[in-house]
C-alpha atoms as a PDB file:
ATOM      1  CA  MET A   1      -6.015  13.338  -4.928  1.00  0.00           C
ATOM      2  CA  ASN A   2      -3.706  14.292  -7.636  1.00  0.00           C
ATOM      3  CA  ASP A   3      -4.902  15.044 -11.097  1.00  0.00           C
ATOM      4  CA  GLU A   4      -2.091  13.202 -13.074  1.00  0.00           C
ATOM      5  CA  LEU A   5      -3.273  10.190 -14.777  1.00  0.00           C
ATOM      6  CA  VAL A   6      -1.187   7.545 -13.970  1.00  0.00           C
ATOM      7  CA  LEU A   7      -3.686   4.428 -15.385  1.00  0.00           C
ATOM      8  CA  GLU A   8      -6.205   5.291 -17.769  1.00  0.00           C
ATOM      9  CA  THR A   9      -8.845   2.486 -20.316  1.00  0.00           C
ATOM     10  CA  LYS A  10     -11.335   4.188 -22.257  1.00  0.00           C
ATOM     11  CA  ASN A  11     -13.774   1.706 -23.489  1.00  0.00           C
ATOM     12  CA  LEU A  12     -11.828  -1.250 -23.674  1.00  0.00           C
ATOM     13  CA  LYS A  13     -13.195  -4.419 -25.429  1.00  0.00           C
ATOM     14  CA  LYS A  14     -11.440  -7.753 -25.293  1.00  0.00           C
ATOM     15  CA  SER A  15     -12.899 -11.140 -26.987  1.00  0.00           C
ATOM     16  CA  PHE A  16     -11.742 -14.655 -27.521  1.00  0.00           C
ATOM     17  CA  GLY A  17     -13.221 -15.953 -30.408  1.00  0.00           C
ATOM     18  CA  LYS A  18     -16.858 -15.166 -30.112  1.00  0.00           C
ATOM     19  CA  PHE A  19     -16.446 -15.246 -26.028  1.00  0.00           C
ATOM     20  CA  GLN A  20     -16.807 -11.393 -25.440  1.00  0.00           C
ATOM     21  CA  ALA A  21     -14.741 -11.120 -22.243  1.00  0.00           C
ATOM     22  CA  LEU A  22     -14.229  -6.908 -21.782  1.00  0.00           C
ATOM     23  CA  ARG A  23     -17.041  -5.150 -22.969  1.00  0.00           C
ATOM     24  CA  ASN A  24     -16.755  -1.394 -22.451  1.00  0.00           C
ATOM     25  CA  VAL A  25     -14.151  -1.627 -19.424  1.00  0.00           C
ATOM     26  CA  ASN A  26     -13.354   2.422 -18.023  1.00  0.00           C
ATOM     27  CA  LEU A  27     -11.063   3.075 -15.333  1.00  0.00           C
ATOM     28  CA  GLN A  28      -8.541   5.760 -14.003  1.00  0.00           C
ATOM     29  CA  LEU A  29      -6.138   5.572 -11.446  1.00  0.00           C
ATOM     30  CA  HIS A  30      -4.812   9.106 -10.229  1.00  0.00           C
ATOM     31  CA  LYS A  31      -0.895   9.616  -9.065  1.00  0.00           C
ATOM     32  CA  GLY A  32      -1.092   8.884  -5.009  1.00  0.00           C
ATOM     33  CA  GLU A  33      -4.369   6.967  -5.673  1.00  0.00           C
ATOM     34  CA  VAL A  34      -5.457   2.974  -4.299  1.00  0.00           C
ATOM     35  CA  LEU A  35      -7.689   2.010  -7.042  1.00  0.00           C
ATOM     36  CA  GLY A  36     -10.303  -0.940  -5.664  1.00  0.00           C
ATOM     37  CA  PHE A  37     -11.342  -3.138  -9.200  1.00  0.00           C
ATOM     38  CA  ILE A  38     -13.789  -5.227  -7.928  1.00  0.00           C
ATOM     39  CA  GLY A  39     -15.706  -8.064  -9.197  1.00  0.00           C
ATOM     40  CA  PRO A  40     -16.528 -12.308  -9.041  1.00  0.00           C
ATOM     41  CA  ASN A  41     -14.753 -15.006 -10.826  1.00  0.00           C
ATOM     42  CA  GLY A  42     -15.000 -14.221 -14.788  1.00  0.00           C
ATOM     43  CA  ALA A  43     -16.297 -11.135 -14.331  1.00  0.00           C
ATOM     44  CA  GLY A  44     -13.094  -9.482 -16.380  1.00  0.00           C
ATOM     45  CA  LYS A  45     -10.371  -8.526 -13.860  1.00  0.00           C
ATOM     46  CA  SER A  46      -7.715 -10.513 -14.629  1.00  0.00           C
ATOM     47  CA  THR A  47      -8.066 -10.341 -18.187  1.00  0.00           C
ATOM     48  CA  THR A  48      -8.198  -6.432 -18.165  1.00  0.00           C
ATOM     49  CA  ILE A  49      -4.940  -6.180 -15.836  1.00  0.00           C
ATOM     50  CA  ARG A  50      -3.178  -8.630 -18.638  1.00  0.00           C
ATOM     51  CA  VAL A  51      -4.596  -6.166 -21.301  1.00  0.00           C
ATOM     52  CA  ILE A  52      -2.872  -3.534 -19.108  1.00  0.00           C
ATOM     53  CA  LEU A  53       0.363  -5.131 -18.291  1.00  0.00           C
ATOM     54  CA  GLY A  54       0.478  -5.305 -22.086  1.00  0.00           C
ATOM     55  CA  LEU A  55       0.306  -9.615 -22.351  1.00  0.00           C
ATOM     56  CA  ILE A  56      -2.241  -9.674 -24.426  1.00  0.00           C
ATOM     57  CA  LYS A  57      -4.020  -7.475 -27.292  1.00  0.00           C
ATOM     58  CA  ALA A  58      -7.273  -5.821 -26.526  1.00  0.00           C
ATOM     59  CA  THR A  59     -10.238  -6.095 -29.440  1.00  0.00           C
ATOM     60  CA  GLY A  60     -11.380  -2.541 -29.291  1.00  0.00           C
ATOM     61  CA  GLY A  61     -10.754   1.250 -26.988  1.00  0.00           C
ATOM     62  CA  SER A  62      -7.323   1.823 -25.393  1.00  0.00           C
ATOM     63  CA  ALA A  63      -5.400   1.526 -22.449  1.00  0.00           C
ATOM     64  CA  THR A  64      -2.445   3.805 -21.522  1.00  0.00           C
ATOM     65  CA  VAL A  65      -0.206   3.730 -18.276  1.00  0.00           C
ATOM     66  CA  PHE A  66       1.888   7.114 -18.117  1.00  0.00           C
ATOM     67  CA  GLY A  67       0.539   8.485 -20.882  1.00  0.00           C
ATOM     68  CA  LYS A  68       1.717   5.536 -23.412  1.00  0.00           C
ATOM     69  CA  ASP A  69       0.271   2.920 -24.770  1.00  0.00           C
ATOM     70  CA  VAL A  70       0.065  -0.475 -23.277  1.00  0.00           C
ATOM     71  CA  TRP A  71       0.983  -2.640 -26.181  1.00  0.00           C
ATOM     72  CA  LYS A  72       3.086  -0.756 -27.848  1.00  0.00           C
ATOM     73  CA  ASP A  73       5.055   0.881 -25.395  1.00  0.00           C
ATOM     74  CA  SER A  74       4.700  -2.057 -22.858  1.00  0.00           C
ATOM     75  CA  VAL A  75       9.069  -2.559 -22.565  1.00  0.00           C
ATOM     76  CA  ALA A  76       9.159   1.357 -21.174  1.00  0.00           C
ATOM     77  CA  ILE A  77       5.699   1.333 -18.756  1.00  0.00           C
ATOM     78  CA  HIS A  78       7.335  -2.332 -17.436  1.00  0.00           C
ATOM     79  CA  LYS A  79      10.694  -0.501 -16.051  1.00  0.00           C
ATOM     80  CA  ASN A  80       8.240   1.353 -13.583  1.00  0.00           C
ATOM     81  CA  LEU A  81       6.018  -1.233 -12.752  1.00  0.00           C
ATOM     82  CA  SER A  82       5.682  -3.771 -10.479  1.00  0.00           C
ATOM     83  CA  TYR A  83       3.011  -6.442 -10.621  1.00  0.00           C
ATOM     84  CA  VAL A  84       2.238  -9.690  -8.145  1.00  0.00           C
ATOM     85  CA  PRO A  85      -0.355 -11.823  -9.575  1.00  0.00           C
ATOM     86  CA  GLY A  86      -3.045 -14.437  -7.537  1.00  0.00           C
ATOM     87  CA  ASP A  87      -0.979 -17.397  -8.539  1.00  0.00           C
ATOM     88  CA  VAL A  88       3.073 -16.821  -7.869  1.00  0.00           C
ATOM     89  CA  TYR A  89       4.718 -19.765 -10.340  1.00  0.00           C
ATOM     90  CA  LEU A  90       8.109 -19.941  -9.251  1.00  0.00           C
ATOM     91  CA  TRP A  91      11.438 -21.031 -10.332  1.00  0.00           C
ATOM     92  CA  PRO A  92      11.397 -24.923  -8.486  1.00  0.00           C
ATOM     93  CA  ASN A  93      15.457 -25.402  -7.650  1.00  0.00           C
ATOM     94  CA  LEU A  94      15.981 -21.620  -6.729  1.00  0.00           C
ATOM     95  CA  THR A  95      15.396 -20.699  -3.420  1.00  0.00           C
ATOM     96  CA  GLY A  96      13.276 -17.751  -1.976  1.00  0.00           C
ATOM     97  CA  GLY A  97      16.393 -15.566  -1.324  1.00  0.00           C
ATOM     98  CA  GLN A  98      17.620 -16.152  -4.753  1.00  0.00           C
ATOM     99  CA  THR A  99      14.357 -15.580  -6.620  1.00  0.00           C
ATOM    100  CA  ILE A 100      13.829 -12.123  -5.127  1.00  0.00           C
ATOM    101  CA  ASP A 101      17.629 -11.367  -6.407  1.00  0.00           C
ATOM    102  CA  LEU A 102      16.688 -12.378  -9.502  1.00  0.00           C
ATOM    103  CA  LEU A 103      13.272 -10.737  -9.310  1.00  0.00           C
ATOM    104  CA  LEU A 104      15.373  -7.664  -8.526  1.00  0.00           C
ATOM    105  CA  HIS A 105      17.571  -8.234 -10.832  1.00  0.00           C
ATOM    106  CA  MET A 106      14.953  -8.498 -13.427  1.00  0.00           C
ATOM    107  CA  SER A 107      13.069  -5.243 -12.660  1.00  0.00           C
ATOM    108  CA  GLY A 108      16.740  -2.948 -12.701  1.00  0.00           C
ATOM    109  CA  GLN A 109      16.410  -3.213  -8.980  1.00  0.00           C
ATOM    110  CA  LYS A 110      18.849  -4.210  -5.990  1.00  0.00           C
ATOM    111  CA  HIS A 111      18.409  -5.843  -2.953  1.00  0.00           C
ATOM    112  CA  THR A 112      18.584  -3.194   0.324  1.00  0.00           C
ATOM    113  CA  ALA A 113      18.061  -3.126   3.817  1.00  0.00           C
ATOM    114  CA  ARG A 114      14.509  -2.745   3.089  1.00  0.00           C
ATOM    115  CA  THR A 115      14.428  -6.204   1.502  1.00  0.00           C
ATOM    116  CA  ASP A 116      15.782  -8.218   4.498  1.00  0.00           C
ATOM    117  CA  GLN A 117      13.198  -5.853   6.486  1.00  0.00           C
ATOM    118  CA  LEU A 118      10.117  -7.163   4.358  1.00  0.00           C
ATOM    119  CA  ILE A 119      11.800 -11.049   4.335  1.00  0.00           C
ATOM    120  CA  LYS A 120      11.507 -10.215   8.192  1.00  0.00           C
ATOM    121  CA  GLU A 121       8.245  -8.988   8.171  1.00  0.00           C
ATOM    122  CA  PHE A 122       6.685 -11.614   6.887  1.00  0.00           C
ATOM    123  CA  LYS A 123       8.679 -14.326   8.162  1.00  0.00           C
ATOM    124  CA  LEU A 124       9.675 -15.738   5.262  1.00  0.00           C
ATOM    125  CA  ASP A 125      12.601 -18.513   5.491  1.00  0.00           C
ATOM    126  CA  THR A 126      14.288 -17.432   1.801  1.00  0.00           C
ATOM    127  CA  SER A 127      16.405 -20.754   2.239  1.00  0.00           C
ATOM    128  CA  LYS A 128      14.092 -23.164   1.133  1.00  0.00           C
ATOM    129  CA  LYS A 129      14.019 -24.144  -2.404  1.00  0.00           C
ATOM    130  CA  ASN A 130      10.511 -22.652  -4.075  1.00  0.00           C
ATOM    131  CA  ARG A 131       8.817 -26.125  -4.932  1.00  0.00           C
ATOM    132  CA  THR A 132       9.070 -26.885  -1.534  1.00  0.00           C
ATOM    133  CA  TYR A 133       6.724 -23.601  -0.576  1.00  0.00           C
ATOM    134  CA  SER A 134       3.282 -23.436  -0.016  1.00  0.00           C
ATOM    135  CA  LYS A 135       1.316 -21.420  -1.684  1.00  0.00           C
ATOM    136  CA  GLY A 136       0.574 -18.320   1.025  1.00  0.00           C
ATOM    137  CA  ASN A 137       5.185 -18.218   0.949  1.00  0.00           C
ATOM    138  CA  ARG A 138       5.192 -18.550  -3.233  1.00  0.00           C
ATOM    139  CA  GLN A 139       3.053 -15.165  -2.094  1.00  0.00           C
ATOM    140  CA  LYS A 140       5.398 -13.310   0.173  1.00  0.00           C
ATOM    141  CA  VAL A 141       8.618 -13.990  -2.680  1.00  0.00           C
ATOM    142  CA  ALA A 142       6.412 -12.093  -4.831  1.00  0.00           C
ATOM    143  CA  LEU A 143       5.372  -9.599  -2.925  1.00  0.00           C
ATOM    144  CA  VAL A 144       8.986  -8.674  -1.135  1.00  0.00           C
ATOM    145  CA  ALA A 145       9.956  -8.541  -4.624  1.00  0.00           C
ATOM    146  CA  ALA A 146       7.304  -6.140  -5.195  1.00  0.00           C
ATOM    147  CA  PHE A 147       7.366  -3.738  -2.127  1.00  0.00           C
ATOM    148  CA  SER A 148      11.752  -3.599  -2.167  1.00  0.00           C
ATOM    149  CA  THR A 149      11.370  -2.370  -5.694  1.00  0.00           C
ATOM    150  CA  ASP A 150      10.652   1.973  -5.904  1.00  0.00           C
ATOM    151  CA  VAL A 151       8.779   2.397  -8.738  1.00  0.00           C
ATOM    152  CA  SER A 152       5.305   4.654  -9.047  1.00  0.00           C
ATOM    153  CA  LEU A 153       2.990   1.883 -10.613  1.00  0.00           C
ATOM    154  CA  TYR A 154       1.852  -1.182  -8.461  1.00  0.00           C
ATOM    155  CA  ILE A 155      -0.477  -3.955  -9.658  1.00  0.00           C
ATOM    156  CA  PHE A 156      -1.895  -6.865  -7.328  1.00  0.00           C
ATOM    157  CA  ASP A 157      -4.276  -8.979  -8.818  1.00  0.00           C
ATOM    158  CA  GLU A 158      -5.272 -10.714  -5.356  1.00  0.00           C
ATOM    159  CA  PRO A 159      -2.403 -10.622  -3.595  1.00  0.00           C
ATOM    160  CA  THR A 160      -3.847 -11.583  -0.846  1.00  0.00           C
ATOM    161  CA  SER A 161      -4.860 -15.448  -1.727  1.00  0.00           C
ATOM    162  CA  GLY A 162      -3.532 -18.057   0.410  1.00  0.00           C
ATOM    163  CA  LEU A 163      -1.759 -15.435   2.952  1.00  0.00           C
ATOM    164  CA  ASP A 164      -2.768 -15.802   6.932  1.00  0.00           C
ATOM    165  CA  PRO A 165      -4.823 -12.509   8.320  1.00  0.00           C
ATOM    166  CA  LEU A 166      -1.830 -11.659  10.093  1.00  0.00           C
ATOM    167  CA  ASN A 167       0.096 -11.501   7.244  1.00  0.00           C
ATOM    168  CA  GLU A 168      -2.774  -9.680   5.209  1.00  0.00           C
ATOM    169  CA  VAL A 169      -2.349  -6.665   7.967  1.00  0.00           C
ATOM    170  CA  ILE A 170       1.288  -6.270   6.628  1.00  0.00           C
ATOM    171  CA  PHE A 171       0.129  -5.751   3.058  1.00  0.00           C
ATOM    172  CA  GLN A 172      -2.527  -3.549   3.722  1.00  0.00           C
ATOM    173  CA  GLN A 173       0.135  -1.802   5.535  1.00  0.00           C
ATOM    174  CA  HIS A 174       2.992  -1.511   3.004  1.00  0.00           C
ATOM    175  CA  VAL A 175       0.491  -0.206   0.308  1.00  0.00           C
ATOM    176  CA  ALA A 176      -0.702   2.492   2.945  1.00  0.00           C
ATOM    177  CA  GLU A 177       2.591   3.134   2.744  1.00  0.00           C
ATOM    178  CA  LEU A 178       2.983   2.681  -0.952  1.00  0.00           C
ATOM    179  CA  LYS A 179      -0.111   5.452  -0.917  1.00  0.00           C
ATOM    180  CA  LYS A 180       2.070   7.722   1.377  1.00  0.00           C
ATOM    181  CA  ALA A 181       4.763   7.785  -0.931  1.00  0.00           C
ATOM    182  CA  GLY A 182       2.572   8.811  -3.645  1.00  0.00           C
ATOM    183  CA  LYS A 183       2.434   6.156  -5.259  1.00  0.00           C
ATOM    184  CA  SER A 184      -0.282   4.645  -7.387  1.00  0.00           C
ATOM    185  CA  VAL A 185      -1.724   0.943  -6.612  1.00  0.00           C
ATOM    186  CA  LEU A 186      -4.144  -0.779  -8.468  1.00  0.00           C
ATOM    187  CA  LEU A 187      -5.355  -3.644  -6.777  1.00  0.00           C
ATOM    188  CA  SER A 188      -7.989  -6.286  -7.597  1.00  0.00           C
ATOM    189  CA  SER A 189      -9.705  -8.587  -4.800  1.00  0.00           C
ATOM    190  CA  HIS A 190     -12.571 -10.137  -3.911  1.00  0.00           C
ATOM    191  CA  ILE A 191     -11.987  -9.677  -0.060  1.00  0.00           C
ATOM    192  CA  LEU A 192     -14.566  -6.864  -0.189  1.00  0.00           C
ATOM    193  CA  SER A 193     -13.477  -5.481   3.667  1.00  0.00           C
ATOM    194  CA  GLU A 194      -9.577  -5.498   2.419  1.00  0.00           C
ATOM    195  CA  VAL A 195     -11.220  -2.747  -0.677  1.00  0.00           C
ATOM    196  CA  GLU A 196     -12.810  -0.922   1.909  1.00  0.00           C
ATOM    197  CA  LYS A 197     -10.598  -0.455   4.057  1.00  0.00           C
ATOM    198  CA  MET A 198      -7.269   0.869   1.865  1.00  0.00           C
ATOM    199  CA  CYS A 199      -9.316   1.698  -1.693  1.00  0.00           C
ATOM    200  CA  ASP A 200      -8.907   5.553  -2.377  1.00  0.00           C
ATOM    201  CA  THR A 201     -11.353   4.732  -5.486  1.00  0.00           C
ATOM    202  CA  ILE A 202     -13.404   1.317  -6.513  1.00  0.00           C
ATOM    203  CA  ALA A 203     -14.295   0.350  -9.602  1.00  0.00           C
ATOM    204  CA  ILE A 204     -17.020  -2.592 -10.170  1.00  0.00           C
ATOM    205  CA  ILE A 205     -16.787  -4.910 -12.686  1.00  0.00           C
ATOM    206  CA  ARG A 206     -19.598  -6.957 -14.376  1.00  0.00           C
ATOM    207  CA  GLU A 207     -19.692  -9.243 -17.285  1.00  0.00           C
ATOM    208  CA  GLY A 208     -16.932  -7.165 -18.487  1.00  0.00           C
ATOM    209  CA  ASN A 209     -18.010  -4.030 -17.442  1.00  0.00           C
ATOM    210  CA  VAL A 210     -17.684  -1.266 -15.397  1.00  0.00           C
ATOM    211  CA  ILE A 211     -20.493  -0.580 -14.148  1.00  0.00           C
ATOM    212  CA  GLU A 212     -19.724   1.715 -11.213  1.00  0.00           C
ATOM    213  CA  ALA A 213     -17.113   3.700 -10.176  1.00  0.00           C
ATOM    214  CA  GLY A 214     -16.038   5.875  -7.789  1.00  0.00           C
ATOM    215  CA  SER A 215     -15.155   6.862  -4.280  1.00  0.00           C
ATOM    216  CA  LEU A 216     -16.796   5.102  -1.437  1.00  0.00           C
ATOM    217  CA  GLU A 217     -18.488   7.385  -0.625  1.00  0.00           C
ATOM    218  CA  SER A 218     -20.339   8.398  -3.547  1.00  0.00           C
ATOM    219  CA  MET A 219     -21.474   5.034  -4.195  1.00  0.00           C
ATOM    220  CA  GLN A 220     -23.112   4.943  -0.272  1.00  0.00           C
ATOM    221  CA  HIS A 221     -24.722   7.611  -1.438  1.00  0.00           C
ATOM    222  CA  LEU A 222     -26.586   5.655  -4.701  1.00  0.00           C
ATOM    223  CA  THR A 223     -28.223   3.548  -2.416  1.00  0.00           C
ATOM    224  CA  ARG A 224     -29.564   2.739   1.333  1.00  0.00           C
ATOM    225  CA  ASN A 225     -28.450   3.532   4.876  1.00  0.00           C
ATOM    226  CA  THR A 226     -29.388   0.589   7.699  1.00  0.00           C
ATOM    227  CA  VAL A 227     -32.123   2.647  10.535  1.00  0.00           C
ATOM    228  CA  ALA A 228     -32.566   1.317  14.286  1.00  0.00           C
ATOM    229  CA  VAL A 229     -34.701   4.009  15.728  1.00  0.00           C
ATOM    230  CA  ARG A 230     -37.132   3.859  19.113  1.00  0.00           C
ATOM    231  CA  THR A 231     -39.848   7.112  19.755  1.00  0.00           C
ATOM    232  CA  LYS A 232     -42.420   8.200  22.159  1.00  0.00           C
ATOM    233  CA  LYS A 233     -44.852   7.547  19.749  1.00  0.00           C
ATOM    234  CA  PRO A 234     -45.643   5.085  16.956  1.00  0.00           C
ATOM    235  CA  LEU A 235     -44.330   4.743  13.974  1.00  0.00           C
ATOM    236  CA  ASP A 236     -47.363   3.870  11.237  1.00  0.00           C
ATOM    237  CA  GLU A 237     -46.412   6.512   9.063  1.00  0.00           C
ATOM    238  CA  LEU A 238     -42.867   4.856   8.038  1.00  0.00           C
ATOM    239  CA  GLN A 239     -44.987   1.850   6.220  1.00  0.00           C
ATOM    240  CA  LYS A 240     -46.206   4.246   3.501  1.00  0.00           C
ATOM    241  CA  ALA A 241     -43.156   6.530   3.945  1.00  0.00           C
ATOM    242  CA  GLU A 242     -41.212   7.225   0.395  1.00  0.00           C
ATOM    243  CA  GLY A 243     -38.164   5.367  -0.038  1.00  0.00           C
ATOM    244  CA  VAL A 244     -38.245   3.227   3.859  1.00  0.00           C
ATOM    245  CA  TYR A 245     -37.569  -0.870   2.762  1.00  0.00           C
ATOM    246  CA  GLN A 246     -37.471  -3.865   5.099  1.00  0.00           C
ATOM    247  CA  LEU A 247     -39.052  -2.285   7.571  1.00  0.00           C
ATOM    248  CA  LYS A 248     -39.847  -4.226  10.964  1.00  0.00           C
ATOM    249  CA  PHE A 249     -41.027  -3.499  14.313  1.00  0.00           C
ATOM    250  CA  ASN A 250     -39.513  -4.877  16.836  1.00  0.00           C
ATOM    251  CA  ASP A 251     -42.485  -3.854  19.833  1.00  0.00           C
ATOM    252  CA  SER A 252     -46.233  -3.962  19.186  1.00  0.00           C
ATOM    253  CA  SER A 253     -46.186  -0.501  20.049  1.00  0.00           C
ATOM    254  CA  LYS A 254     -44.728  -0.145  17.239  1.00  0.00           C
ATOM    255  CA  THR A 255     -42.252   2.464  18.653  1.00  0.00           C
ATOM    256  CA  THR A 256     -38.740   0.392  18.288  1.00  0.00           C
ATOM    257  CA  ALA A 257     -38.085  -0.001  14.675  1.00  0.00           C
ATOM    258  CA  GLU A 258     -35.768  -1.310  11.713  1.00  0.00           C
ATOM    259  CA  PHE A 259     -35.364  -0.481   8.260  1.00  0.00           C
ATOM    260  CA  SER A 260     -33.423   0.920   5.182  1.00  0.00           C
ATOM    261  CA  VAL A 261     -33.753   4.238   3.521  1.00  0.00           C
ATOM    262  CA  ASP A 262     -32.794   5.701  -0.277  1.00  0.00           C
ATOM    263  CA  SER A 263     -30.130   7.778   1.144  1.00  0.00           C
ATOM    264  CA  ASP A 264     -31.818  10.757  -1.120  1.00  0.00           C
ATOM    265  CA  GLN A 265     -34.966  10.372   1.205  1.00  0.00           C
ATOM    266  CA  ILE A 266     -33.104  10.344   4.462  1.00  0.00           C
ATOM    267  CA  GLY A 267     -33.774  13.647   5.421  1.00  0.00           C
ATOM    268  CA  ASN A 268     -37.964  13.612   5.087  1.00  0.00           C
ATOM    269  CA  VAL A 269     -37.289  10.225   7.048  1.00  0.00           C
ATOM    270  CA  MET A 270     -35.546  12.476   9.934  1.00  0.00           C
ATOM    271  CA  ASP A 271     -38.271  14.717   9.738  1.00  0.00           C
ATOM    272  CA  LEU A 272     -41.111  12.061  10.208  1.00  0.00           C
ATOM    273  CA  LEU A 273     -38.737  10.350  13.460  1.00  0.00           C
ATOM    274  CA  SER A 274     -38.849  14.029  15.003  1.00  0.00           C
ATOM    275  CA  ALA A 275     -42.052  14.426  14.758  1.00  0.00           C
ATOM    276  CA  LYS A 276     -42.459  11.428  17.197  1.00  0.00           C
ATOM    277  CA  THR A 277     -39.930  12.323  19.671  1.00  0.00           C
ATOM    278  CA  ILE A 278     -36.397  10.488  19.189  1.00  0.00           C
ATOM    279  CA  VAL A 279     -35.364   8.264  21.979  1.00  0.00           C
ATOM    280  CA  GLN A 280     -32.194   6.336  20.582  1.00  0.00           C
ATOM    281  CA  LEU A 281     -31.476   6.689  16.906  1.00  0.00           C
ATOM    282  CA  LYS A 282     -28.830   4.433  14.988  1.00  0.00           C
ATOM    283  CA  THR A 283     -27.549   5.070  11.453  1.00  0.00           C
ATOM    284  CA  THR A 284     -25.272   3.038   9.283  1.00  0.00           C
ATOM    285  CA  PRO A 285     -24.321   3.678   6.076  1.00  0.00           C
ATOM    286  CA  PRO A 286     -23.503   0.658   3.557  1.00  0.00           C
ATOM    287  CA  THR A 287     -20.731  -0.884   3.633  1.00  0.00           C
ATOM    288  CA  LEU A 288     -18.785  -2.254  -0.125  1.00  0.00           C
ATOM    289  CA  GLU A 289     -20.541  -5.342   0.880  1.00  0.00           C
ATOM    290  CA  ASP A 290     -24.206  -4.454   0.945  1.00  0.00           C
ATOM    291  CA  LEU A 291     -22.880  -2.067  -2.675  1.00  0.00           C
ATOM    292  CA  PHE A 292     -21.578  -4.806  -4.593  1.00  0.00           C
ATOM    293  CA  LEU A 293     -24.255  -7.266  -3.416  1.00  0.00           C
ATOM    294  CA  ARG A 294     -27.148  -4.954  -4.422  1.00  0.00           C
ATOM    295  CA  TYR A 295     -25.594  -4.063  -8.008  1.00  0.00           C
ATOM    296  CA  TYR A 296     -25.226  -8.497  -8.371  1.00  0.00           C
ATOM    297  CA  GLN A 297     -28.252  -9.004  -6.999  1.00  0.00           C
ATOM    298  CA  SER A 298     -30.259  -6.280  -9.157  1.00  0.00           C
ATOM    299  CA  ALA A 299     -28.436  -7.844 -12.370  1.00  0.00           C
ATOM    300  CA  ASP A 300     -29.973 -11.322 -11.095  1.00  0.00           C
ATOM    301  CA  ASP A 301     -33.129  -9.734 -10.721  1.00  0.00           C
ATOM    302  CA  GLN A 302     -33.085  -8.598 -14.286  1.00  0.00           C
ATOM    303  CA  LYS A 303     -31.847 -11.934 -15.297  1.00  0.00           C
ATOM    304  CA  GLY A 304     -34.914 -14.030 -14.102  1.00  0.00           C
ATOM    305  CA  GLY A 305     -37.495 -11.014 -15.577  1.00  0.00           C
ATOM    306  CA  ASP A 306     -36.303 -11.476 -18.975  1.00  0.00           C
END
């Protein structure tokens, strides 16, 4: 990963009247990096992106892109930035092809052979009027225009909503190409498997706060692994072992078990299992969905206890 910061927010805040949409948003996106920005609807993802794009002014904190203030220098920033929203609205009387060319022209870019290749890959009929397009085809128009541009930063806000699985794969392939070319990508998505597959770092937002940020690997160390084991000797001691949860024995002899274990206790638990003579062992690190649900479920539990 390159140390050059492309995008940074510090203690970003945004209020709409008495409602505080963003409370404390801290993000960092480096050159050549794909940052996944996840959270449920209403958590603050789109509001954060609108601030970054200079569409609305922050109430507090700061946000910079290419070292420039996103509000004061938004015009200069947009010359080197491409953005695709989750809901694409197009000029109804233009064709898809005319719209792509117009979007490229507005960005100071040109229709090239790459544009034609993208149209072919996404199987987009550019001769049709925008008013006839489905949501998925409107997304394709925006994605073709975005991937046709040569800029340093790409921002995608729920970009694959409306796309079928095949086109989702095409989208993922082109994001990988951007990364390989040293471009930076901010991807906001609720499709956790998509984020897990593509992103170098992840930021989880909840109620306007970024509650965790870092690589998936670093986050996995903060939570539990799943273990399935079979041994020659009974595993009674697991019932009292520190850091072991959701223990389930699959036979009366208690030699086959499944459980989850805190990452910082794996070494001790492995010592215990080894002493029982391991016959079969499978460990599974937590997925992004596991991490996401744990953060949100813990928040709900805390609310329930208030």
